Structure formats: structure tokens, C-alpha cells
């Protein structure tokens, strides 16, 4: 049996952070799975129904790809910002502060033996 493990892919920390933010934004509200539709599944079901009815299925014409190339990372970041704005969250980045350094304990001298 063949392994179904996908090939390894290089992912940047920025991409991981953006994906985690998007998942958190979707999980925190405003996303209803019942409102989503699967257009591919609907198209396949339509083809199956047509074949069952005895209709001949013609292959679809190749789609004409026109338009601009989309930067997926920018689209993901915009999606996260839109989700936060929809919930009324402040989209301003958090401030990062340096942590104070820990104080070192004073050295103790060994007790004198009598």
C-alpha cells in the first residue's frame, strides 16, 4: 500500500503565524460551517445525476485565466485583519517589551567549622 503522507514543504514562520491567526479568528466566531457550500461537490453531483438520466456529458471548455496574480500571503493577512475588524478587535500590533533581567543571588561563604 502506498503512503499517503504529503511531500515536505518549506513554510516560513510568518506563514505559520498568519495561518494560526486565521484559524483563531475563524474559531472565535463569525464562521458558520452550515453557511458554506461546496461548489465542486455540487458540480460532481450534477454530472452524476445527468449521467444517471442518460444525458451525454460534454467536457467543459478550458477556463480562460485572466486577471492579476494574487499574493496568497497578503490575502491571508488581509483575511485575518478583516476577521478581527468584523469582531471589533483592535488590529494594532501588540507592543513588545524587554523582560527585566533576573537578579543574581549573593554568593554565600561556607560556614566555619569549630
C-alpha atoms as a PDB file:
ATOM      1  CA  UNK A   1       0.000   0.000   0.000  1.00  0.00           C
ATOM      2  CA  UNK A   2       1.294   3.437  -0.904  1.00  0.00           C
ATOM      3  CA  UNK A   3       1.953   6.014   1.754  1.00  0.00           C
ATOM      4  CA  UNK A   4      -0.445   8.963   1.691  1.00  0.00           C
ATOM      5  CA  UNK A   5       1.922  11.299   3.506  1.00  0.00           C
ATOM      6  CA  UNK A   6       2.292  14.591   1.614  1.00  0.00           C
ATOM      7  CA  UNK A   7       5.722  15.728   0.490  1.00  0.00           C
ATOM      8  CA  UNK A   8       7.637  18.020   2.831  1.00  0.00           C
ATOM      9  CA  UNK A   9       7.135  21.728   2.181  1.00  0.00           C
ATOM     10  CA  UNK A  10       9.159  24.680   3.434  1.00  0.00           C
ATOM     11  CA  UNK A  11       6.959  27.083   5.392  1.00  0.00           C
ATOM     12  CA  UNK A  12       8.137  30.347   6.891  1.00  0.00           C
ATOM     13  CA  UNK A  13       7.411  31.402  10.461  1.00  0.00           C
ATOM     14  CA  UNK A  14       5.403  34.324   9.065  1.00  0.00           C
ATOM     15  CA  UNK A  15       3.164  31.927   7.101  1.00  0.00           C
ATOM     16  CA  UNK A  16       2.621  29.734  10.162  1.00  0.00           C
ATOM     17  CA  UNK A  17       1.791  32.767  12.337  1.00  0.00           C
ATOM     18  CA  UNK A  18      -0.690  34.073   9.767  1.00  0.00           C
ATOM     19  CA  UNK A  19      -2.357  30.658   9.429  1.00  0.00           C
ATOM     20  CA  UNK A  20      -2.658  30.329  13.212  1.00  0.00           C
ATOM     21  CA  UNK A  21      -4.164  33.830  13.429  1.00  0.00           C
ATOM     22  CA  UNK A  22      -6.674  32.992  10.694  1.00  0.00           C
ATOM     23  CA  UNK A  23      -7.659  29.732  12.394  1.00  0.00           C
ATOM     24  CA  UNK A  24      -8.109  31.564  15.698  1.00  0.00           C
ATOM     25  CA  UNK A  25     -10.182  34.276  14.017  1.00  0.00           C
ATOM     26  CA  UNK A  26     -12.432  31.690  12.391  1.00  0.00           C
ATOM     27  CA  UNK A  27     -12.753  29.662  15.591  1.00  0.00           C
ATOM     28  CA  UNK A  28     -13.640  32.667  17.763  1.00  0.00           C
ATOM     29  CA  UNK A  29     -16.881  33.388  15.986  1.00  0.00           C
ATOM     30  CA  UNK A  30     -18.451  34.588  12.808  1.00  0.00           C
ATOM     31  CA  UNK A  31     -17.739  31.400  10.852  1.00  0.00           C
ATOM     32  CA  UNK A  32     -20.640  29.026  10.361  1.00  0.00           C
ATOM     33  CA  UNK A  33     -19.836  25.794   8.555  1.00  0.00           C
ATOM     34  CA  UNK A  34     -23.512  25.332   7.685  1.00  0.00           C
ATOM     35  CA  UNK A  35     -23.386  28.572   5.680  1.00  0.00           C
ATOM     36  CA  UNK A  36     -20.551  27.305   3.486  1.00  0.00           C
ATOM     37  CA  UNK A  37     -21.164  25.479   0.221  1.00  0.00           C
ATOM     38  CA  UNK A  38     -19.028  23.040  -1.693  1.00  0.00           C
ATOM     39  CA  UNK A  39     -19.308  24.101  -5.344  1.00  0.00           C
ATOM     40  CA  UNK A  40     -17.116  21.232  -6.539  1.00  0.00           C
ATOM     41  CA  UNK A  41     -19.287  18.624  -4.833  1.00  0.00           C
ATOM     42  CA  UNK A  42     -22.419  20.241  -6.245  1.00  0.00           C
ATOM     43  CA  UNK A  43     -20.948  20.130  -9.772  1.00  0.00           C
ATOM     44  CA  UNK A  44     -19.977  16.455  -9.414  1.00  0.00           C
ATOM     45  CA  UNK A  45     -23.466  15.585  -8.121  1.00  0.00           C
ATOM     46  CA  UNK A  46     -24.988  17.406 -11.117  1.00  0.00           C
ATOM     47  CA  UNK A  47     -22.811  15.397 -13.537  1.00  0.00           C
ATOM     48  CA  UNK A  48     -23.710  12.123 -11.797  1.00  0.00           C
ATOM     49  CA  UNK A  49     -27.423  12.947 -11.933  1.00  0.00           C
ATOM     50  CA  UNK A  50     -27.148  13.809 -15.644  1.00  0.00           C
ATOM     51  CA  UNK A  51     -25.353  10.522 -16.385  1.00  0.00           C
ATOM     52  CA  UNK A  52     -27.988   8.569 -14.443  1.00  0.00           C
ATOM     53  CA  UNK A  53     -30.676  10.270 -16.554  1.00  0.00           C
ATOM     54  CA  UNK A  54     -28.874   9.101 -19.706  1.00  0.00           C
ATOM     55  CA  UNK A  55     -27.597  12.503 -20.833  1.00  0.00           C
ATOM     56  CA  UNK A  56     -24.283  12.733 -22.622  1.00  0.00           C
ATOM     57  CA  UNK A  57     -21.763  14.804 -20.697  1.00  0.00           C
ATOM     58  CA  UNK A  58     -19.557  17.095 -22.755  1.00  0.00           C
ATOM     59  CA  UNK A  59     -16.220  18.118 -21.264  1.00  0.00           C
ATOM     60  CA  UNK A  60     -16.146  21.676 -20.038  1.00  0.00           C
ATOM     61  CA  UNK A  61     -14.138  24.193 -22.010  1.00  0.00           C
ATOM     62  CA  UNK A  62     -10.787  25.141 -20.554  1.00  0.00           C
ATOM     63  CA  UNK A  63     -11.260  28.180 -18.372  1.00  0.00           C
ATOM     64  CA  UNK A  64      -9.671  31.382 -19.582  1.00  0.00           C
ATOM     65  CA  UNK A  65      -7.407  32.623 -16.848  1.00  0.00           C
ATOM     66  CA  UNK A  66      -7.321  36.373 -16.839  1.00  0.00           C
ATOM     67  CA  UNK A  67      -6.600  38.925 -14.212  1.00  0.00           C
ATOM     68  CA  UNK A  68      -3.908  39.633 -11.770  1.00  0.00           C
ATOM     69  CA  UNK A  69      -1.766  37.210  -9.838  1.00  0.00           C
ATOM     70  CA  UNK A  70      -2.769  37.131  -6.186  1.00  0.00           C
ATOM     71  CA  UNK A  71      -0.193  37.226  -3.400  1.00  0.00           C
ATOM     72  CA  UNK A  72      -1.539  34.488  -1.121  1.00  0.00           C
ATOM     73  CA  UNK A  73       0.359  35.687   1.928  1.00  0.00           C
ATOM     74  CA  UNK A  74      -1.073  39.202   1.534  1.00  0.00           C
ATOM     75  CA  UNK A  75      -4.551  37.747   1.019  1.00  0.00           C
ATOM     76  CA  UNK A  76      -4.197  35.651   4.190  1.00  0.00           C
ATOM     77  CA  UNK A  77      -3.053  38.662   6.214  1.00  0.00           C
ATOM     78  CA  UNK A  78      -5.936  40.750   4.839  1.00  0.00           C
ATOM     79  CA  UNK A  79      -8.373  37.970   5.740  1.00  0.00           C
ATOM     80  CA  UNK A  80      -7.097  37.932   9.332  1.00  0.00           C
ATOM     81  CA  UNK A  81      -7.415  41.729   9.566  1.00  0.00           C
ATOM     82  CA  UNK A  82     -10.940  41.616   8.117  1.00  0.00           C
ATOM     83  CA  UNK A  83     -11.992  38.931  10.615  1.00  0.00           C
ATOM     84  CA  UNK A  84     -10.622  40.976  13.512  1.00  0.00           C
ATOM     85  CA  UNK A  85     -12.308  44.144  12.246  1.00  0.00           C
ATOM     86  CA  UNK A  86     -15.630  42.307  11.890  1.00  0.00           C
ATOM     87  CA  UNK A  87     -15.443  41.353  15.563  1.00  0.00           C
ATOM     88  CA  UNK A  88     -14.425  44.879  16.553  1.00  0.00           C
ATOM     89  CA  UNK A  89     -10.969  43.893  17.715  1.00  0.00           C
ATOM     90  CA  UNK A  90      -8.172  46.407  17.641  1.00  0.00           C
ATOM     91  CA  UNK A  91      -5.943  45.314  14.789  1.00  0.00           C
ATOM     92  CA  UNK A  92      -2.965  47.333  16.044  1.00  0.00           C
ATOM     93  CA  UNK A  93       0.071  45.159  16.654  1.00  0.00           C
ATOM     94  CA  UNK A  94       0.999  44.435  20.244  1.00  0.00           C
ATOM     95  CA  UNK A  95       3.926  46.231  21.814  1.00  0.00           C
ATOM     96  CA  UNK A  96       6.904  44.081  22.687  1.00  0.00           C
ATOM     97  CA  UNK A  97       8.867  44.957  25.798  1.00  0.00           C
ATOM     98  CA  UNK A  98      12.142  43.530  27.048  1.00  0.00           C
ATOM     99  CA  UNK A  99      11.810  41.435  30.173  1.00  0.00           C
ATOM    100  CA  UNK A 100      13.712  42.650  33.217  1.00  0.00           C
ATOM    101  CA  UNK A 101      16.824  40.664  33.949  1.00  0.00           C
ATOM    102  CA  UNK A 102      16.731  38.376  36.965  1.00  0.00           C
ATOM    103  CA  UNK A 103      18.856  39.409  39.926  1.00  0.00           C
ATOM    104  CA  UNK A 104      21.671  37.063  40.786  1.00  0.00           C
ATOM    105  CA  UNK A 105      21.684  35.543  44.248  1.00  0.00           C
ATOM    106  CA  UNK A 106      24.505  36.705  46.506  1.00  0.00           C
ATOM    107  CA  UNK A 107      27.344  34.234  46.966  1.00  0.00           C
ATOM    108  CA  UNK A 108      27.425  32.630  50.368  1.00  0.00           C
ATOM    109  CA  UNK A 109      30.614  31.767  52.115  1.00  0.00           C
ATOM    110  CA  UNK A 110      30.790  28.344  53.695  1.00  0.00           C
ATOM    111  CA  UNK A 111      30.239  28.205  57.460  1.00  0.00           C
ATOM    112  CA  UNK A 112      33.379  27.856  59.565  1.00  0.00           C
ATOM    113  CA  UNK A 113      33.745  24.568  61.306  1.00  0.00           C
ATOM    114  CA  UNK A 114      34.589  24.602  65.013  1.00  0.00           C
END
